[in-house]
Amino acid sequence: MVPPSTHLSGAEYKWVEGHNLGEKELILLPDVFLQKVAEGTTNKPLLKELYKGVAEGGRNHALARLVGSWIEKGMTLEECVESAAIWNQRNSQALTMHEVET
């Protein structure tokens, strides 16, 4: 995560004072991650399955995937928030509206 990303707590990520992107060499991903990508074994549920709602522990990730697909289709922020609120009611335990909007 890098600035201006926001942590789930609401705190914003910031650069450590005196350090900037590009000053340090980035580390490579471990081979196990690259191997999983090469194998295509992401084990992600199909997007259409997420519309049914998800259990606690996967709601934020599922919503991020759905919103990404909605943005790709050209939906506005307001349309995304409205659709997210409707989707949220299908979850076994709904997120707070603050979490949905974040």
Protein backbone atom coordinates (compact mmCIF):
# COMPACT_ATOMS: atom_id res chain seq x y z
CA MET A 1 0.00 0.00 0.00
CA VAL A 2 1.24 3.43 -0.85
CA PRO A 3 -0.06 6.96 -0.42
CA PRO A 4 -2.77 8.11 -0.89
CA SER A 5 -4.32 4.71 -0.01
CA THR A 6 -6.48 4.52 3.10
CA HIS A 7 -6.24 1.76 5.70
CA LEU A 8 -9.48 0.09 6.85
CA SER A 9 -9.10 2.04 10.09
CA GLY A 10 -9.44 5.28 8.11
CA ALA A 11 -5.79 6.29 8.55
CA GLU A 12 -4.02 7.37 5.37
CA TYR A 13 -0.75 5.80 4.34
CA LYS A 14 2.07 8.35 4.25
CA TRP A 15 5.70 8.27 3.16
CA VAL A 16 8.18 8.17 6.02
CA GLU A 17 9.59 11.67 6.30
CA GLY A 18 12.82 12.00 4.35
CA HIS A 19 12.09 9.00 2.10
CA ASN A 20 10.51 8.95 -1.35
CA LEU A 21 9.53 6.40 -3.95
CA GLY A 22 12.52 5.47 -6.06
CA GLU A 23 15.13 5.91 -3.33
CA LYS A 24 15.18 2.22 -2.52
CA GLU A 25 15.20 -0.75 -4.86
CA LEU A 26 11.90 -2.61 -4.80
CA ILE A 27 12.07 -6.20 -3.64
CA LEU A 28 10.91 -8.97 -5.94
CA LEU A 29 7.86 -11.04 -5.18
CA PRO A 30 8.68 -14.49 -3.82
CA ASP A 31 8.60 -17.22 -6.47
CA VAL A 32 5.56 -18.85 -4.86
CA PHE A 33 3.41 -15.83 -5.83
CA LEU A 34 4.75 -15.76 -9.37
CA GLN A 35 4.19 -19.51 -9.69
CA LYS A 36 0.55 -19.18 -8.65
CA VAL A 37 -0.01 -16.47 -11.27
CA ALA A 38 1.70 -18.55 -13.95
CA GLU A 39 -0.45 -21.56 -13.05
CA GLY A 40 -3.58 -19.44 -13.07
CA THR A 41 -4.65 -20.80 -9.68
CA THR A 42 -6.09 -17.73 -8.07
CA ASN A 43 -9.12 -19.58 -6.64
CA LYS A 44 -11.23 -16.43 -7.00
CA PRO A 45 -14.97 -17.02 -7.20
CA LEU A 46 -16.66 -15.99 -10.42
CA LEU A 47 -17.89 -12.41 -10.38
CA LYS A 48 -21.49 -13.52 -10.89
CA GLU A 49 -21.29 -15.63 -7.72
CA LEU A 50 -20.45 -12.53 -5.66
CA TYR A 51 -23.82 -10.97 -6.52
CA LYS A 52 -25.46 -13.55 -4.24
CA GLY A 53 -23.68 -12.03 -1.26
CA VAL A 54 -20.72 -13.35 0.71
CA ALA A 55 -19.88 -14.33 4.26
CA GLU A 56 -17.97 -12.25 6.77
CA GLY A 57 -14.27 -12.27 5.97
CA GLY A 58 -14.71 -11.82 2.22
CA ARG A 59 -17.09 -8.89 1.96
CA ASN A 60 -14.59 -6.05 1.40
CA HIS A 61 -12.65 -7.97 -1.24
CA ALA A 62 -15.85 -9.05 -3.00
CA LEU A 63 -17.18 -5.49 -3.00
CA ALA A 64 -13.90 -4.16 -4.38
CA ARG A 65 -14.12 -6.64 -7.26
CA LEU A 66 -17.72 -5.74 -7.97
CA VAL A 67 -17.09 -1.99 -7.87
CA GLY A 68 -14.12 -2.43 -10.18
CA SER A 69 -16.35 -4.19 -12.70
CA TRP A 70 -18.99 -1.47 -12.37
CA ILE A 71 -16.44 1.29 -12.95
CA GLU A 72 -15.16 -0.59 -15.99
CA LYS A 73 -18.74 -0.57 -17.32
CA GLY A 74 -18.90 3.21 -16.86
CA MET A 75 -21.02 3.52 -13.71
CA THR A 76 -20.77 6.78 -11.77
CA LEU A 77 -19.70 7.00 -8.12
CA GLU A 78 -23.31 7.50 -7.07
CA GLU A 79 -24.45 4.45 -9.06
CA CYS A 80 -21.66 2.36 -7.56
CA VAL A 81 -22.57 3.37 -3.99
CA GLU A 82 -26.26 2.66 -4.62
CA SER A 83 -25.51 -0.75 -6.15
CA ALA A 84 -23.08 -1.56 -3.35
CA ALA A 85 -25.73 -0.76 -0.72
CA ILE A 86 -28.19 -3.09 -2.44
CA TRP A 87 -25.57 -5.85 -2.76
CA ASN A 88 -24.58 -5.40 0.88
CA GLN A 89 -28.06 -6.45 2.04
CA ARG A 90 -27.50 -9.88 0.44
CA ASN A 91 -24.54 -10.65 2.68
CA SER A 92 -24.99 -12.97 5.65
CA GLN A 93 -23.83 -10.05 7.79
CA ALA A 94 -23.99 -6.60 6.18
CA LEU A 95 -21.11 -4.15 6.23
CA THR A 96 -21.71 -0.76 7.79
CA MET A 97 -22.63 1.95 5.30
CA HIS A 98 -19.34 3.68 6.18
CA GLU A 99 -17.44 0.53 5.10
CA VAL A 100 -19.46 0.31 1.88
CA GLU A 101 -18.75 3.94 1.02
CA THR A 102 -15.04 3.56 1.85
